Protein backbone atom coordinates (compact mmCIF):
# COMPACT_ATOMS: atom_id res chain seq x y z
CA MET A 1 -50.99 -54.39 -44.27
CA SER A 2 -52.04 -57.60 -46.29
CA ASP A 3 -51.66 -55.42 -49.51
CA TYR A 4 -47.95 -55.33 -49.08
CA SER A 5 -45.42 -57.70 -50.29
CA PRO A 6 -43.16 -59.76 -47.42
CA LEU A 7 -40.44 -57.62 -48.43
CA GLU A 8 -42.34 -54.32 -48.23
CA LYS A 9 -43.83 -55.60 -44.50
CA ARG A 10 -40.19 -55.98 -43.35
CA LEU A 11 -39.02 -52.32 -44.78
CA LEU A 12 -41.81 -50.91 -42.79
CA ALA A 13 -41.47 -52.79 -39.79
CA SER A 14 -37.29 -51.81 -39.22
CA VAL A 15 -38.66 -48.17 -40.25
CA SER A 16 -41.40 -48.29 -37.12
CA MET A 17 -38.14 -49.92 -34.99
CA MET A 18 -35.74 -47.36 -35.74
CA THR A 19 -38.38 -44.48 -35.08
CA LYS A 20 -39.18 -45.92 -31.96
CA LEU A 21 -35.44 -46.05 -31.06
CA THR A 22 -34.46 -42.53 -31.90
CA ILE A 23 -37.50 -41.38 -29.29
CA TRP A 24 -36.37 -43.48 -26.97
CA LEU A 25 -32.58 -42.23 -27.27
CA PHE A 26 -33.92 -38.51 -27.40
CA PHE A 27 -35.33 -38.97 -23.95
CA ILE A 28 -32.47 -40.82 -22.80
CA VAL A 29 -30.06 -38.39 -24.10
CA ILE A 30 -32.45 -35.19 -22.58
CA GLY A 31 -32.25 -37.12 -18.95
CA LEU A 32 -28.47 -37.39 -18.97
CA LEU A 33 -28.15 -33.68 -19.73
CA ILE A 34 -30.53 -32.80 -16.94
CA TYR A 35 -28.34 -35.32 -14.43
CA ILE A 36 -25.26 -33.81 -15.37
CA LEU A 37 -26.43 -30.05 -14.94
CA THR A 38 -27.96 -31.26 -11.51
CA LEU A 39 -24.57 -32.56 -10.52
CA THR A 40 -22.91 -29.12 -11.25
CA GLU A 41 -24.56 -27.78 -8.20
CA ASN A 42 -27.81 -26.67 -9.74
CA THR A 43 -25.62 -23.79 -11.39
CA TYR A 44 -28.06 -22.80 -13.81
CA TRP A 45 -31.14 -23.60 -11.55
CA GLY A 46 -31.22 -20.98 -9.42
CA THR A 47 -29.71 -22.61 -6.59
CA LYS A 48 -26.79 -19.87 -6.46
CA PRO A 49 -27.11 -16.65 -6.77
CA ASP A 50 -27.11 -15.33 -10.47
CA VAL A 51 -24.31 -13.66 -11.62
CA ASP A 52 -24.00 -10.11 -13.04
CA GLN A 53 -22.25 -10.64 -16.26
CA ASN A 54 -21.10 -6.97 -16.03
CA THR A 55 -19.29 -7.70 -12.43
CA ALA A 56 -18.19 -10.87 -12.20
CA SER A 57 -14.78 -10.42 -13.94
CA GLU A 58 -14.06 -8.29 -10.83
CA VAL A 59 -14.33 -11.18 -8.60
CA LYS A 60 -10.59 -11.01 -6.97
CA VAL A 61 -8.49 -13.80 -5.25
CA LYS A 62 -7.62 -12.93 -1.89
CA ASP A 63 -3.83 -11.16 -2.30
CA PRO A 64 -1.18 -13.85 -0.96
CA ASN A 65 0.82 -10.69 0.33
CA GLY A 66 -1.99 -9.59 2.98
CA PHE A 67 -2.49 -6.24 0.97
CA TRP A 68 -6.18 -4.90 0.87
CA GLU A 69 -8.48 -5.46 -2.07
CA ALA A 70 -11.54 -3.80 -2.80
CA PRO A 71 -14.64 -6.28 -2.58
CA SER A 72 -16.96 -6.98 -5.65
CA THR A 73 -20.10 -5.87 -6.54
CA TYR A 74 -21.07 -9.22 -7.39
CA GLY A 75 -22.27 -9.66 -3.96
CA ILE A 76 -24.58 -7.04 -3.81
CA ARG A 77 -27.73 -8.60 -3.94
CA ASP A 78 -30.20 -5.38 -3.45
CA GLU A 79 -30.59 -4.04 -6.89
CA ALA A 80 -30.92 -0.55 -5.26
CA GLU A 81 -28.39 -0.42 -3.57
CA LYS A 82 -25.87 -1.69 -6.38
CA GLU A 83 -27.20 0.89 -8.67
CA LEU A 84 -26.13 3.59 -6.05
CA VAL A 85 -22.49 1.92 -5.59
CA ASN A 86 -21.95 1.76 -9.18
CA TYR A 87 -22.75 5.29 -9.45
CA GLY A 88 -20.69 6.52 -6.85
CA LYS A 89 -17.93 4.61 -8.53
CA ASP A 90 -18.59 6.36 -11.94
CA LEU A 91 -18.46 9.78 -10.04
CA ILE A 92 -15.43 8.74 -8.82
CA VAL A 93 -13.75 7.88 -12.17
CA ASN A 94 -15.37 10.39 -14.28
CA THR A 95 -15.87 13.54 -12.06
CA ALA A 96 -15.50 15.82 -14.68
CA PHE A 97 -18.50 14.37 -16.50
CA TYR A 98 -20.61 15.14 -13.89
CA PHE A 99 -19.23 18.49 -12.36
CA GLY A 100 -16.17 19.81 -14.84
CA PRO A 101 -16.57 22.80 -17.34
CA LYS A 102 -19.08 20.62 -19.32
CA GLY A 103 -20.56 18.80 -16.45
CA THR A 104 -24.15 17.11 -16.71
CA VAL A 105 -25.03 17.41 -13.00
CA ARG A 106 -23.13 20.77 -12.22
CA PRO A 107 -21.00 22.08 -14.89
CA MET A 108 -18.32 24.70 -13.92
CA SER A 109 -18.31 23.65 -10.46
CA THR A 110 -14.65 22.02 -10.46
CA ASN A 111 -11.35 22.28 -12.16
CA GLY A 112 -12.29 19.19 -14.76
CA MET A 113 -10.05 16.65 -12.98
CA ASN A 114 -11.48 13.56 -11.47
CA CYS A 115 -11.42 11.95 -8.06
CA GLN A 116 -8.97 9.12 -9.34
CA ASN A 117 -6.57 11.14 -10.45
CA CYS A 118 -5.79 11.17 -6.82
CA HIS A 119 -7.16 8.05 -5.54
CA LEU A 120 -6.40 5.74 -8.28
CA GLU A 121 -8.45 2.71 -10.08
CA GLY A 122 -11.52 4.23 -8.18
CA GLY A 123 -9.87 4.46 -5.04
CA THR A 124 -9.07 0.62 -5.30
CA LYS A 125 -5.23 0.70 -6.17
CA VAL A 126 -3.14 -0.76 -3.69
CA PHE A 127 -0.71 2.40 -2.47
CA GLY A 128 -2.51 4.64 -4.76
CA ASN A 129 -4.19 6.56 -2.26
CA ASN A 130 -7.20 4.34 -1.97
CA TYR A 131 -10.45 4.36 -0.05
CA GLY A 132 -9.92 1.15 1.87
CA ALA A 133 -9.54 2.81 5.39
CA VAL A 134 -11.68 5.47 4.76
CA SER A 135 -14.91 4.32 6.46
CA ALA A 136 -13.46 2.38 9.07
CA ASN A 137 -11.96 5.68 10.60
CA TYR A 138 -14.77 8.31 10.25
CA PRO A 139 -16.07 10.33 11.98
CA ARG A 140 -12.65 10.99 13.24
CA TYR A 141 -11.09 13.92 14.81
CA ARG A 142 -8.96 15.90 12.21
CA PRO A 143 -6.12 18.45 13.26
CA ARG A 144 -6.83 20.20 9.98
CA SER A 145 -10.01 21.50 10.91
CA GLY A 146 -9.83 21.13 14.44
CA SER A 147 -12.84 18.97 14.85
CA ILE A 148 -14.81 15.73 14.58
CA GLU A 149 -15.37 15.33 10.56
CA ASN A 150 -18.08 12.70 9.01
CA LEU A 151 -17.25 11.05 5.33
CA TYR A 152 -19.66 14.13 4.20
CA LYS A 153 -17.07 16.45 5.15
CA ARG A 154 -14.20 14.68 4.06
CA VAL A 155 -15.56 14.21 0.37
CA ASN A 156 -16.45 18.06 0.24
CA ASP A 157 -12.81 18.68 1.48
CA CYS A 158 -11.63 16.84 -1.76
CA PHE A 159 -14.24 18.99 -4.04
CA GLU A 160 -12.99 22.27 -2.66
CA ARG A 161 -9.09 21.89 -2.52
CA SER A 162 -8.07 18.79 -4.71
CA LEU A 163 -11.04 19.95 -7.62
CA ASN A 164 -10.61 23.49 -6.50
CA GLY A 165 -14.14 23.55 -6.55
CA GLN A 166 -17.61 24.02 -4.86
CA PRO A 167 -18.79 21.34 -1.92
CA LEU A 168 -21.17 18.80 -2.78
CA ASP A 169 -25.16 19.22 -1.32
CA SER A 170 -25.17 16.90 1.60
CA VAL A 171 -28.34 15.50 0.80
CA SER A 172 -27.64 15.18 -2.95
CA ARG A 173 -28.10 11.29 -4.87
CA GLU A 174 -24.34 12.32 -5.79
CA MET A 175 -22.92 12.80 -2.19
CA LYS A 176 -25.31 9.78 -1.15
CA ALA A 177 -23.97 8.13 -4.03
CA ILE A 178 -19.97 8.71 -3.24
CA VAL A 179 -20.51 7.98 0.55
CA THR A 180 -22.11 4.61 -0.33
CA TYR A 181 -19.53 3.63 -2.80
CA ILE A 182 -16.38 4.68 -0.18
CA GLN A 183 -18.41 2.45 2.82
CA PHE A 184 -18.80 -0.19 0.54
CA LEU A 185 -15.19 -0.29 -0.54
CA GLY A 186 -14.51 -0.58 3.43
CA LYS A 187 -17.21 -2.46 4.59
CA ASP A 188 -15.15 -5.97 5.66
CA VAL A 189 -12.38 -3.53 7.33
CA PRO A 190 -12.57 -3.34 11.27
CA LYS A 191 -13.40 -0.07 12.69
CA GLY A 192 -10.40 2.03 13.43
CA SER A 193 -7.95 -0.14 11.86
CA LYS A 194 -5.80 0.50 8.74
CA PRO A 195 -5.27 -2.49 6.04
CA LYS A 196 -2.17 -2.98 4.37
CA GLY A 197 -1.55 -1.36 0.97
CA SER A 198 -4.15 1.35 2.18
CA GLY A 199 -3.53 5.22 1.79
CA PHE A 200 0.32 5.87 0.72
CA GLN A 201 3.26 3.81 0.57
CA ASP A 202 6.22 4.92 3.32
CA LEU A 203 9.28 6.42 2.30
CA THR A 204 12.05 6.94 3.86
CA MET A 205 13.20 10.59 4.33
CA MET A 206 16.41 12.30 3.12
CA ASP A 207 18.98 13.71 5.48
CA ARG A 208 19.23 16.66 2.60
CA ALA A 209 16.35 19.09 1.70
CA CYS A 210 14.22 18.18 -1.46
CA ASP A 211 15.76 19.90 -4.33
CA PRO A 212 13.04 21.56 -7.06
CA VAL A 213 15.82 22.16 -9.89
CA LYS A 214 16.84 18.58 -9.58
CA GLY A 215 13.15 17.68 -9.44
CA GLY A 216 12.34 19.75 -12.62
CA ILE A 217 15.23 17.76 -14.55
CA VAL A 218 13.46 14.51 -13.20
CA TYR A 219 9.95 16.09 -14.47
CA GLN A 220 11.11 16.81 -18.10
CA ASP A 221 12.64 13.53 -18.08
CA LYS A 222 9.84 11.10 -17.02
CA CYS A 223 6.60 13.00 -16.59
CA ALA A 224 6.46 15.76 -18.99
CA SER A 225 5.48 13.38 -22.01
CA CYS A 226 1.85 12.72 -19.97
CA HIS A 227 1.55 15.93 -18.06
CA GLN A 228 3.14 18.13 -20.74
CA LYS A 229 6.04 20.61 -20.05
CA SER A 230 4.21 22.89 -18.38
CA GLY A 231 2.11 21.07 -16.50
CA GLU A 232 -0.92 21.79 -18.11
CA GLY A 233 -1.94 17.98 -18.40
CA GLN A 234 -3.89 16.84 -21.74
CA MET A 235 -7.44 17.32 -22.12
CA SER A 236 -9.73 14.72 -23.85
CA PRO A 237 -10.72 15.66 -27.55
CA ASP A 238 -14.36 16.04 -26.46
CA GLY A 239 -13.45 18.99 -23.45
CA ARG A 240 -14.58 16.97 -20.81
CA LYS A 241 -12.02 15.64 -18.54
CA TYR A 242 -8.29 15.06 -18.64
CA VAL A 243 -6.68 12.43 -19.93
CA TYR A 244 -3.86 13.18 -17.84
CA PRO A 245 -4.49 15.64 -15.29
CA PRO A 246 -2.61 19.03 -14.98
CA LEU A 247 -0.01 19.05 -11.84
CA TRP A 248 -0.07 22.89 -11.65
CA GLY A 249 -1.63 26.00 -13.00
CA SER A 250 -5.47 27.31 -13.06
CA ASN A 251 -6.65 23.96 -13.72
CA SER A 252 -4.81 21.97 -10.77
CA TYR A 253 -5.12 21.33 -7.04
CA ASN A 254 -5.09 24.07 -5.00
CA ASP A 255 -2.25 24.94 -2.23
CA GLY A 256 -4.91 23.73 0.25
CA ALA A 257 -4.88 19.86 -0.87
CA GLY A 258 -3.17 17.08 0.64
CA LEU A 259 -0.86 16.49 -2.26
CA TYR A 260 0.46 20.42 -1.86
CA ARG A 261 2.51 18.28 0.97
CA VAL A 262 5.80 17.45 -0.46
CA THR A 263 5.81 14.40 1.40
CA ASN A 264 2.37 13.41 0.31
CA PHE A 265 3.36 13.84 -3.18
CA ALA A 266 6.89 12.26 -3.18
CA ARG A 267 4.67 8.93 -1.57
CA PHE A 268 2.20 8.92 -4.08
CA VAL A 269 4.60 9.37 -7.12
CA LYS A 270 7.13 6.63 -5.65
CA ALA A 271 4.68 4.21 -5.75
CA ASN A 272 2.60 4.89 -8.95
CA MET A 273 4.58 7.22 -11.34
CA PRO A 274 5.33 7.35 -13.84
CA LEU A 275 2.57 5.44 -16.13
CA GLY A 276 3.30 1.42 -15.01
CA ALA A 277 4.82 2.11 -11.89
CA SER A 278 3.27 0.50 -8.84
CA HIS A 279 4.35 -0.25 -5.09
CA ASP A 280 6.14 -3.45 -6.12
CA ASN A 281 7.75 -1.86 -9.26
CA ALA A 282 8.84 1.16 -8.70
CA ILE A 283 10.16 3.45 -11.47
CA LEU A 284 11.35 6.52 -9.91
CA SER A 285 14.50 6.47 -7.16
CA ASP A 286 13.61 7.61 -3.72
CA GLU A 287 15.62 10.81 -4.56
CA GLU A 288 13.87 11.26 -7.92
CA ALA A 289 10.58 11.22 -5.80
CA TRP A 290 11.55 13.68 -3.19
CA ASP A 291 12.75 16.18 -5.87
CA VAL A 292 10.31 15.71 -8.37
CA ALA A 293 7.51 16.54 -5.38
CA ALA A 294 9.39 19.67 -4.54
CA PHE A 295 9.75 21.07 -7.93
CA VAL A 296 5.87 20.10 -8.90
CA ASN A 297 4.55 21.84 -5.51
CA SER A 298 7.07 24.76 -6.08
CA GLN A 299 4.97 25.69 -8.98
CA PRO A 300 2.09 28.20 -9.27
CA ARG A 301 -1.73 26.73 -8.61
CA PRO A 302 -4.51 28.14 -7.06
CA LYS A 303 -4.98 29.76 -3.65
CA LYS A 304 -7.28 28.32 -0.88
CA ASP A 305 -8.09 30.59 2.32
CA ILE A 306 -6.74 28.66 4.58
CA SER A 307 -6.65 30.63 7.43
CA LEU A 308 -9.14 28.58 9.87
CA ASP A 309 -6.96 25.48 8.88
CA TRP A 310 -4.74 23.76 11.60
CA PRO A 311 -6.23 25.83 14.73
CA LYS A 312 -3.84 24.34 16.89
CA LYS A 313 -0.31 25.35 15.59
CA GLU A 314 1.43 22.27 17.60
CA GLU A 315 -0.74 19.96 15.97
CA LYS A 316 0.28 20.84 12.15
CA PRO A 317 2.53 18.33 10.38
CA LYS A 318 6.27 18.86 10.03
CA ASP A 319 5.60 19.10 6.21
CA HIS A 320 3.09 21.65 6.43
CA PRO A 321 4.47 24.33 3.78
CA PHE A 322 2.70 27.78 5.76
CA GLY A 323 3.28 29.17 9.34
CA PRO A 324 2.63 29.81 12.09
CA TYR A 325 4.68 27.11 13.67
CA ALA A 326 4.98 25.96 17.32
CA ASP A 327 9.16 25.38 16.20
CA GLY A 328 11.36 27.68 15.15
CA PHE A 329 12.10 26.15 11.88
CA SER A 330 11.34 28.31 8.77
CA GLU A 331 8.61 27.63 6.32
CA THR A 332 11.27 26.78 3.67
CA GLN A 333 12.27 23.87 5.87
CA HIS A 334 8.90 22.94 6.54
CA LYS A 335 8.00 22.36 3.37
CA TYR A 336 10.98 20.88 1.44
CA GLY A 337 12.73 19.45 4.79
CA PRO A 338 14.95 18.26 5.94
CA TRP A 339 12.83 17.01 8.15
CA ASN A 340 14.78 14.04 10.34
CA SER A 341 16.11 17.36 12.35
CA MET A 342 12.90 18.80 13.51
CA ASN A 343 11.70 18.17 16.77
CA ASN A 344 7.99 18.31 15.56
CA LYS A 345 7.10 14.21 14.89
CA LYS A 346 3.65 14.97 13.13
C-alpha cells in the first residue's frame, strides 16, 4: 500500500470496514430470522404436522349451538386412508360421473342422480340428511327388511332405490371408499348415539291431510325454476349429471326410496329448499313443506318390487304409502295423513 497516497489509503480502509460491517449485518439478520421462526413453535421446521393445503380450509370451528360437524381430512396422516376417504366423498358428490348414463366405472347403472342430491353437501349439511349418525348406528335391525343390516347393505339400498339402479359389488374399491368415507364422518360419534343436527329436522304434523293440489301451486311458485315445470330437473351440458335433480319421472327416485315417504320429504325440503334455505333460515312454511311433499310424491316415478319390505306389518311407519297395515286406516291416509289420529305411532 506504500504506492497509494494518504487519501487513497483512507478510502480503501473505509471500503474494507464497510464490507466487514455488511457481512456481519447479514449474519445478524439471518440469526434473527431463525430465532423468530423458532419462537413461532417451529411451524416451518417440521415440529407440527404438515398441512395439506387442499384440506386446510376444511378445518372448522366447533359449532356453538352443538350441531354435529363433519371432521376435516386435515387430521388423516395415512396417505392411503386419505386417498380412500377423498375418493369416497367424490363418489357421493359426483355419483353420476362414475355410475350415470356416461359413467366412467359402470355406465348406465343409475338414474344419473348423485348421492348428495339427497345427502346434501356430501352428506355433511346440518339436517340435510347427513351421515353424522350412520356409522355409529350400523349394523342395526331395520324393520323395512326385517333383518340386521350393515353399511354395505345400507349403501346398496340407496343405489337400488334413490338412484333406481344396480347395487355395488361389496368388495369393490368404490364400495370400500364410500363406506370408509361414511365411517370417517362418524368417527367421533359415540356408538348408538344420534348427534344434534343429523338426519332430518323435526316438523310438526298438521291436523289435516297434506294437499297435493295446494302443493302443486307451491311447486310451480318456488321449485319449478330449478327442477323444471314437469319435475325433470336440469342436466349439465356434458350430459353426465344433473345440476338440479329430477323430482319425478323415469330418472328420479323410485317408490321404494326413503324420500317417497311424505314425512321424510317434507322434513327434508323444510330445512333445505328452495335453494338457500337451511335449518335456521327456512323459506317454506310448515304447511307449504307438507303440501309440496304430497304433490311431488303424487307424480309418476319408477316402481320397485317392495313385496319383501316390512315383513312385519305392525312395524310399518304410519306414513308408509303401501299396505297391508296392522290398523284399519286406508292407504290414502297412510300416505297423506292426518297421522295424529292414527294409533300406529311408528
